[in-house]
Amino acid sequence: MLAEGEELCLHGRYREAAGPLAQGWHRADVRYQQDALWQAAPALRAAYRADPGHFTAVWHAETGRKVPGWLVSSLSVRRAVAPRRDPGADRGPR
């Protein structure tokens, strides 16, 4: 499941990837397959960032749980540290 979700993310099909990623994460978590979990983490982040609302709904439907806190906070941290654009940068030389 995780590999299928990762493959869909590679092709930009993030909404379709949410289900297989959630199912695979849940199954791997139950079996303590840590290597598989962390290998899939970039795909999980990409799918979540592409559409957090959709991903959250699919995650809950597939696992019965909330999205992991590290996944939600990774989006918040990214937004918090995103560089600000200099409004005068596009003006060119004076």
Protein backbone atom coordinates (compact mmCIF):
# COMPACT_ATOMS: atom_id res chain seq x y z
CA MET A 1 0.00 0.00 0.00
CA LEU A 2 2.73 2.47 0.92
CA ALA A 3 4.60 1.80 -2.33
CA GLU A 4 1.40 2.35 -4.33
CA GLY A 5 0.81 5.68 -2.57
CA GLU A 6 4.42 6.74 -3.14
CA GLU A 7 4.12 5.92 -6.83
CA LEU A 8 0.92 7.95 -7.16
CA CYS A 9 2.65 10.92 -5.50
CA LEU A 10 5.52 10.66 -7.96
CA HIS A 11 2.98 11.19 -10.72
CA GLY A 12 1.32 14.12 -8.94
CA ARG A 13 -1.81 12.13 -8.10
CA TYR A 14 -1.89 13.22 -4.47
CA ARG A 15 -5.62 12.88 -3.85
CA GLU A 16 -5.57 9.28 -5.12
CA ALA A 17 -2.48 8.56 -3.01
CA ALA A 18 -4.14 9.50 0.27
CA GLY A 19 -6.03 6.20 0.67
CA PRO A 20 -3.16 3.80 -0.03
CA LEU A 21 -0.80 5.88 2.09
CA ALA A 22 -3.20 5.91 5.04
CA GLN A 23 -3.89 2.18 4.75
CA GLY A 24 -0.22 1.32 4.36
CA TRP A 25 0.86 3.56 7.23
CA HIS A 26 -1.78 2.06 9.51
CA ARG A 27 -0.83 -1.51 8.64
CA ALA A 28 2.91 -0.89 8.90
CA ASP A 29 2.42 0.93 12.21
CA VAL A 30 0.54 -2.03 13.63
CA ARG A 31 3.36 -4.35 12.58
CA TYR A 32 6.15 -1.98 13.74
CA GLN A 33 7.74 -1.69 10.33
CA GLN A 34 9.60 1.53 11.05
CA ASP A 35 11.80 1.49 7.93
CA ALA A 36 8.79 1.36 5.64
CA LEU A 37 7.07 4.11 7.59
CA TRP A 38 9.89 6.61 7.39
CA GLN A 39 10.65 5.79 3.77
CA ALA A 40 7.05 6.76 2.94
CA ALA A 41 7.09 9.95 5.05
CA PRO A 42 7.99 12.28 2.12
CA ALA A 43 5.03 10.96 0.11
CA LEU A 44 2.74 11.43 3.10
CA ARG A 45 3.91 15.02 3.48
CA ALA A 46 3.41 15.71 -0.23
CA ALA A 47 -0.10 14.25 -0.28
CA TYR A 48 -1.06 16.12 2.89
CA ARG A 49 0.32 19.44 1.65
CA ALA A 50 -1.45 19.07 -1.70
CA ASP A 51 -4.89 18.97 -0.05
CA PRO A 52 -4.90 18.85 3.77
CA GLY A 53 -8.69 18.67 4.06
CA HIS A 54 -9.05 15.76 1.66
CA PHE A 55 -6.09 13.93 3.14
CA THR A 56 -7.44 14.34 6.68
CA ALA A 57 -10.87 13.02 5.70
CA VAL A 58 -9.42 10.01 3.87
CA TRP A 59 -6.98 9.30 6.71
CA HIS A 60 -9.78 9.26 9.25
CA ALA A 61 -11.98 7.08 7.02
CA GLU A 62 -9.18 4.56 6.46
CA THR A 63 -7.64 4.44 9.93
CA GLY A 64 -10.29 5.76 12.33
CA ARG A 65 -7.63 8.07 13.74
CA LYS A 66 -6.45 11.64 13.42
CA VAL A 67 -3.59 12.52 11.09
CA PRO A 68 -0.27 12.15 12.97
CA GLY A 69 0.82 15.33 14.72
CA TRP A 70 4.23 15.36 13.02
CA LEU A 71 2.51 15.50 9.64
CA VAL A 72 0.24 18.39 10.58
CA SER A 73 3.04 20.31 12.30
CA SER A 74 5.37 19.87 9.30
CA LEU A 75 2.97 21.99 7.24
CA SER A 76 2.65 24.61 9.97
CA VAL A 77 6.40 24.87 10.39
CA ARG A 78 6.92 25.25 6.67
CA ARG A 79 4.38 28.06 6.46
CA ALA A 80 5.85 29.76 9.52
CA VAL A 81 9.37 29.87 8.10
CA ALA A 82 8.55 30.57 4.46
CA PRO A 83 10.63 33.52 3.26
CA ARG A 84 8.77 36.72 2.66
CA ARG A 85 8.95 38.32 -0.74
CA ASP A 86 10.42 41.76 -0.98
CA PRO A 87 7.65 43.84 -2.62
CA GLY A 88 10.27 46.05 -4.27
CA ALA A 89 12.19 43.15 -5.80
CA ASP A 90 10.05 43.08 -8.95
CA ARG A 91 10.46 46.77 -9.74
CA GLY A 92 13.86 46.47 -11.34
CA PRO A 93 16.54 49.18 -11.39
CA ARG A 94 15.58 52.78 -10.75
